[in-house]
């Protein structure tokens, strides 16, 4: 009778030990999964931040290019307007000189 009681106690202790080990294994696995999720989330956040930085840089480059293009276009327009105005002055002076010559010849 005593021996049977002892065997029951040993089996109960073994069962408790098995369940404790199983609970520990499950807890360790859950912790590993949580750590993996944290790492994955951190990686996603890092990638998102990097993508945002790249997009901002691309937008900045676009703005600079647009400003340069606009500046160059405005410069070309200003140079053209200057050349046209200068040519008009030259034409006016030549016309005036021709009129003077004709007036001198007529006189």
N, C-alpha and C. Protein backbone atom coordinates (compact mmCIF):
# COMPACT_ATOMS: atom_id res chain seq x y z
N UNK A 1 0.83 -1.20 0.00
CA UNK A 1 0.00 0.00 0.00
C UNK A 1 0.88 1.27 0.00
N UNK A 2 1.88 1.27 0.83
CA UNK A 2 2.81 2.41 0.93
C UNK A 2 3.55 2.62 -0.38
N UNK A 3 3.95 1.51 -1.00
CA UNK A 3 4.69 1.58 -2.26
C UNK A 3 3.81 2.15 -3.38
N UNK A 4 2.56 1.76 -3.44
CA UNK A 4 1.62 2.26 -4.45
C UNK A 4 1.41 3.76 -4.25
N UNK A 5 1.28 4.19 -3.01
CA UNK A 5 1.12 5.61 -2.69
C UNK A 5 2.35 6.41 -3.15
N UNK A 6 3.52 5.85 -2.90
CA UNK A 6 4.78 6.49 -3.30
C UNK A 6 4.85 6.60 -4.83
N UNK A 7 4.42 5.54 -5.54
CA UNK A 7 4.43 5.57 -7.01
C UNK A 7 3.48 6.64 -7.54
N UNK A 8 2.33 6.80 -6.90
CA UNK A 8 1.36 7.83 -7.31
C UNK A 8 1.99 9.21 -7.11
N UNK A 9 2.65 9.41 -5.98
CA UNK A 9 3.32 10.70 -5.71
C UNK A 9 4.40 10.99 -6.76
N UNK A 10 5.19 9.95 -7.10
CA UNK A 10 6.26 10.11 -8.09
C UNK A 10 5.65 10.47 -9.44
N UNK A 11 4.56 9.77 -9.83
CA UNK A 11 3.91 10.06 -11.10
C UNK A 11 3.35 11.49 -11.12
N UNK A 12 2.77 11.91 -10.00
CA UNK A 12 2.22 13.27 -9.91
C UNK A 12 3.35 14.30 -10.02
N UNK A 13 4.46 14.02 -9.36
CA UNK A 13 5.60 14.94 -9.42
C UNK A 13 6.16 14.99 -10.84
N UNK A 14 6.24 13.81 -11.50
CA UNK A 14 6.72 13.78 -12.88
C UNK A 14 5.78 14.56 -13.80
N UNK A 15 4.47 14.38 -13.59
CA UNK A 15 3.48 15.09 -14.40
C UNK A 15 3.60 16.61 -14.18
N UNK A 16 3.76 17.02 -12.93
CA UNK A 16 3.92 18.45 -12.63
C UNK A 16 5.20 19.00 -13.28
N UNK A 17 6.27 18.21 -13.22
CA UNK A 17 7.53 18.61 -13.83
C UNK A 17 7.36 18.74 -15.35
N UNK A 18 6.67 17.77 -15.96
CA UNK A 18 6.44 17.81 -17.40
C UNK A 18 5.63 19.06 -17.77
N UNK A 19 4.56 19.31 -17.00
CA UNK A 19 3.71 20.48 -17.29
C UNK A 19 4.48 21.79 -17.08
N UNK A 20 5.34 21.82 -16.08
CA UNK A 20 6.14 23.03 -15.84
C UNK A 20 7.12 23.25 -17.00
N UNK A 21 7.74 22.16 -17.44
CA UNK A 21 8.66 22.27 -18.59
C UNK A 21 7.92 22.73 -19.84
N UNK A 22 6.74 22.16 -20.07
CA UNK A 22 5.92 22.52 -21.23
C UNK A 22 5.52 24.00 -21.16
N UNK A 23 5.11 24.45 -19.98
CA UNK A 23 4.74 25.86 -19.81
C UNK A 23 5.95 26.76 -20.07
N UNK A 24 7.12 26.35 -19.60
CA UNK A 24 8.34 27.11 -19.82
C UNK A 24 8.67 27.16 -21.32
N UNK A 25 8.54 26.01 -22.00
CA UNK A 25 8.81 25.96 -23.43
C UNK A 25 7.86 26.90 -24.19
N UNK A 26 6.59 26.87 -23.83
CA UNK A 26 5.60 27.74 -24.48
C UNK A 26 5.92 29.21 -24.21
N UNK A 27 6.32 29.53 -22.98
CA UNK A 27 6.66 30.92 -22.64
C UNK A 27 7.88 31.39 -23.42
N UNK A 28 8.89 30.52 -23.53
CA UNK A 28 10.10 30.88 -24.28
C UNK A 28 9.76 31.09 -25.75
N UNK A 29 8.93 30.21 -26.30
CA UNK A 29 8.52 30.35 -27.70
C UNK A 29 7.75 31.65 -27.92
N UNK A 30 6.85 31.98 -27.00
CA UNK A 30 6.08 33.22 -27.11
C UNK A 30 7.01 34.43 -27.03
N UNK A 31 8.01 34.36 -26.16
CA UNK A 31 8.97 35.46 -26.04
C UNK A 31 9.78 35.63 -27.33
N UNK A 32 10.20 34.50 -27.91
CA UNK A 32 10.94 34.56 -29.18
C UNK A 32 10.09 35.18 -30.28
N UNK A 33 8.82 34.77 -30.34
CA UNK A 33 7.92 35.33 -31.35
C UNK A 33 7.73 36.83 -31.14
N UNK A 34 7.60 37.23 -29.88
CA UNK A 34 7.43 38.66 -29.57
C UNK A 34 8.67 39.44 -29.99
N UNK A 35 9.85 38.89 -29.70
CA UNK A 35 11.10 39.55 -30.09
C UNK A 35 11.20 39.65 -31.61
N UNK A 36 10.80 38.58 -32.30
CA UNK A 36 10.83 38.59 -33.77
C UNK A 36 9.88 39.66 -34.32
N UNK A 37 8.69 39.78 -33.69
CA UNK A 37 7.73 40.81 -34.12
C UNK A 37 8.32 42.20 -33.90
N UNK A 38 8.97 42.40 -32.76
CA UNK A 38 9.59 43.70 -32.47
C UNK A 38 10.65 44.02 -33.51
N UNK A 39 11.50 43.02 -33.81
CA UNK A 39 12.55 43.24 -34.82
C UNK A 39 11.93 43.55 -36.19
N UNK A 40 10.89 42.81 -36.54
CA UNK A 40 10.23 43.04 -37.84
C UNK A 40 9.61 44.44 -37.88
N UNK A 41 8.97 44.84 -36.79
CA UNK A 41 8.37 46.18 -36.73
C UNK A 41 9.44 47.25 -36.84
N UNK A 42 10.56 47.06 -36.13
CA UNK A 42 11.66 48.03 -36.20
C UNK A 42 12.21 48.11 -37.62
N UNK A 43 12.34 46.95 -38.27
CA UNK A 43 12.85 46.93 -39.65
C UNK A 43 11.88 47.67 -40.58
N UNK A 44 10.57 47.43 -40.39
CA UNK A 44 9.58 48.12 -41.22
C UNK A 44 9.64 49.63 -41.00
N UNK A 45 9.76 50.03 -39.73
CA UNK A 45 9.84 51.47 -39.43
C UNK A 45 11.09 52.08 -40.05
N UNK A 46 12.21 51.34 -39.96
CA UNK A 46 13.47 51.83 -40.54
C UNK A 46 13.32 51.98 -42.05
N UNK A 47 12.73 50.95 -42.69
CA UNK A 47 12.53 51.01 -44.15
C UNK A 47 11.61 52.15 -44.53
N UNK A 48 10.54 52.34 -43.74
CA UNK A 48 9.60 53.43 -44.03
C UNK A 48 10.30 54.78 -43.90
N UNK A 49 11.11 54.93 -42.85
CA UNK A 49 11.83 56.20 -42.66
C UNK A 49 12.81 56.42 -43.81
N UNK A 50 13.48 55.36 -44.22
CA UNK A 50 14.44 55.47 -45.33
C UNK A 50 13.70 55.83 -46.62
N UNK A 51 12.56 55.19 -46.85
CA UNK A 51 11.77 55.49 -48.05
C UNK A 51 11.30 56.94 -48.03
N UNK A 52 10.85 57.41 -46.84
CA UNK A 52 10.43 58.81 -46.72
C UNK A 52 11.58 59.75 -47.03
N UNK A 53 12.76 59.44 -46.48
CA UNK A 53 13.94 60.29 -46.72
C UNK A 53 14.28 60.31 -48.21
N UNK A 54 14.20 59.15 -48.87
CA UNK A 54 14.50 59.09 -50.30
C UNK A 54 13.49 59.90 -51.10
N UNK A 55 12.21 59.80 -50.73
CA UNK A 55 11.17 60.56 -51.43
C UNK A 55 11.39 62.06 -51.24
N UNK A 56 11.73 62.46 -50.00
CA UNK A 56 11.99 63.87 -49.74
C UNK A 56 13.17 64.36 -50.56
N UNK A 57 14.21 63.53 -50.66
CA UNK A 57 15.39 63.91 -51.45
C UNK A 57 15.01 64.06 -52.92
N UNK A 58 14.20 63.11 -53.44
CA UNK A 58 13.77 63.19 -54.84
C UNK A 58 12.96 64.47 -55.08
N UNK A 59 12.06 64.79 -54.14
CA UNK A 59 11.25 66.00 -54.27
C UNK A 59 12.14 67.24 -54.25
N UNK A 60 13.15 67.22 -53.38
CA UNK A 60 14.08 68.35 -53.29
C UNK A 60 14.82 68.52 -54.63
N UNK A 61 15.29 67.40 -55.18
CA UNK A 61 16.00 67.44 -56.46
C UNK A 61 15.08 67.98 -57.55
N UNK A 62 13.81 67.53 -57.54
CA UNK A 62 12.84 68.02 -58.53
C UNK A 62 12.67 69.54 -58.40
N UNK A 63 12.52 70.01 -57.14
CA UNK A 63 12.33 71.45 -56.92
C UNK A 63 13.54 72.23 -57.41
N UNK A 64 14.75 71.71 -57.12
CA UNK A 64 15.97 72.40 -57.55
C UNK A 64 16.04 72.43 -59.07
N UNK A 65 15.75 71.30 -59.71
CA UNK A 65 15.78 71.24 -61.18
C UNK A 65 14.78 72.21 -61.79
N UNK A 66 13.58 72.23 -61.20
CA UNK A 66 12.55 73.13 -61.71
C UNK A 66 13.00 74.58 -61.55
N UNK A 67 13.58 74.90 -60.40
CA UNK A 67 14.07 76.27 -60.17
C UNK A 67 15.17 76.62 -61.17
N UNK A 68 16.07 75.66 -61.40
CA UNK A 68 17.16 75.91 -62.35
C UNK A 68 16.61 76.10 -63.76
N UNK A 69 15.66 75.26 -64.13
CA UNK A 69 15.05 75.34 -65.46
C UNK A 69 14.34 76.69 -65.62
N UNK A 70 13.57 77.06 -64.59
CA UNK A 70 12.84 78.32 -64.63
C UNK A 70 13.82 79.49 -64.72
N UNK A 71 14.88 79.42 -63.92
CA UNK A 71 15.89 80.47 -63.93
C UNK A 71 16.55 80.58 -65.31
N UNK A 72 16.90 79.44 -65.87
CA UNK A 72 17.54 79.42 -67.19
C UNK A 72 16.58 79.97 -68.24
N UNK A 73 15.32 79.56 -68.16
CA UNK A 73 14.32 80.03 -69.12
C UNK A 73 14.15 81.55 -68.99
N UNK A 74 14.06 82.03 -67.74
CA UNK A 74 13.91 83.47 -67.53
C UNK A 74 15.14 84.22 -68.05
N UNK A 75 16.32 83.65 -67.84
CA UNK A 75 17.55 84.26 -68.35
C UNK A 75 17.55 84.32 -69.86
N UNK A 76 17.12 83.24 -70.50
CA UNK A 76 17.08 83.20 -71.96
C UNK A 76 16.08 84.22 -72.49
N UNK A 77 14.94 84.33 -71.82
CA UNK A 77 13.93 85.30 -72.24
C UNK A 77 14.48 86.72 -72.10
N UNK A 78 15.14 86.99 -70.97
CA UNK A 78 15.70 88.33 -70.74
C UNK A 78 16.77 88.65 -71.79
N UNK A 79 17.63 87.68 -72.11
CA UNK A 79 18.67 87.91 -73.12
C UNK A 79 18.04 88.17 -74.49
N UNK A 80 17.01 87.40 -74.81
CA UNK A 80 16.32 87.59 -76.09
C UNK A 80 15.70 88.99 -76.15
N UNK A 81 15.02 89.38 -75.06
CA UNK A 81 14.39 90.71 -75.04
C UNK A 81 15.45 91.80 -75.19
N UNK A 82 16.60 91.62 -74.53
CA UNK A 82 17.68 92.60 -74.64
C UNK A 82 18.17 92.70 -76.08
N UNK A 83 18.39 91.52 -76.72
CA UNK A 83 18.88 91.51 -78.11
C UNK A 83 17.87 92.18 -79.04
N UNK A 84 16.59 91.89 -78.84
CA UNK A 84 15.56 92.49 -79.69
C UNK A 84 15.55 94.00 -79.50
N UNK A 85 15.59 94.45 -78.24
CA UNK A 85 15.58 95.90 -77.97
C UNK A 85 16.82 96.55 -78.57
N UNK A 86 17.97 95.89 -78.43
CA UNK A 86 19.21 96.44 -78.97
C UNK A 86 19.12 96.52 -80.50
N UNK A 87 18.59 95.48 -81.11
CA UNK A 87 18.46 95.47 -82.57
C UNK A 87 17.53 96.59 -83.03
N UNK A 88 16.45 96.84 -82.26
CA UNK A 88 15.55 97.94 -82.60
C UNK A 88 16.29 99.27 -82.55
N UNK A 89 17.13 99.45 -81.51
CA UNK A 89 17.91 100.69 -81.40
C UNK A 89 18.86 100.83 -82.60
N UNK A 90 19.53 99.72 -82.94
CA UNK A 90 20.45 99.74 -84.09
C UNK A 90 19.69 100.10 -85.35
N UNK A 91 18.52 99.46 -85.54
CA UNK A 91 17.70 99.75 -86.72
C UNK A 91 17.28 101.22 -86.76
N UNK A 92 16.88 101.73 -85.58
CA UNK A 92 16.46 103.14 -85.51
C UNK A 92 17.62 104.07 -85.89
N UNK A 93 18.81 103.80 -85.36
CA UNK A 93 19.99 104.63 -85.65
C UNK A 93 20.32 104.56 -87.14
N UNK A 94 20.30 103.34 -87.71
CA UNK A 94 20.61 103.18 -89.14
C UNK A 94 19.58 103.93 -89.99
N UNK A 95 18.31 103.81 -89.58
CA UNK A 95 17.25 104.48 -90.31
C UNK A 95 17.45 106.00 -90.27
N UNK A 96 17.78 106.49 -89.07
CA UNK A 96 18.01 107.93 -88.89
C UNK A 96 19.20 108.39 -89.74
N UNK A 97 20.27 107.57 -89.76
CA UNK A 97 21.45 107.92 -90.56
C UNK A 97 21.11 107.95 -92.05
N UNK A 98 20.30 106.97 -92.50
CA UNK A 98 19.91 106.94 -93.91
C UNK A 98 19.08 108.17 -94.25
N UNK A 99 18.18 108.55 -93.34
CA UNK A 99 17.36 109.74 -93.58
C UNK A 99 18.24 110.98 -93.67
N UNK A 100 19.26 111.08 -92.80
CA UNK A 100 20.18 112.23 -92.83
C UNK A 100 20.93 112.27 -94.16
N UNK A 101 21.44 111.07 -94.58
CA UNK A 101 22.19 111.02 -95.84
C UNK A 101 21.31 111.46 -97.01
N UNK A 102 20.07 110.98 -97.01
CA UNK A 102 19.16 111.33 -98.09
C UNK A 102 18.84 112.82 -98.06
N UNK A 103 18.69 113.35 -96.84
CA UNK A 103 18.41 114.78 -96.70
C UNK A 103 19.61 115.60 -97.17
N UNK A 104 20.83 115.11 -96.84
CA UNK A 104 22.05 115.81 -97.27
C UNK A 104 22.17 115.77 -98.79
N UNK A 105 21.86 114.63 -99.40
CA UNK A 105 21.95 114.49 -100.86
C UNK A 105 20.93 115.41 -101.54
N UNK A 106 19.77 115.44 -100.93
CA UNK A 106 18.71 116.27 -101.52
C UNK A 106 19.05 117.75 -101.39
N UNK A 107 19.80 118.07 -100.37
CA UNK A 107 20.12 119.49 -100.15
C UNK A 107 21.26 119.98 -100.96
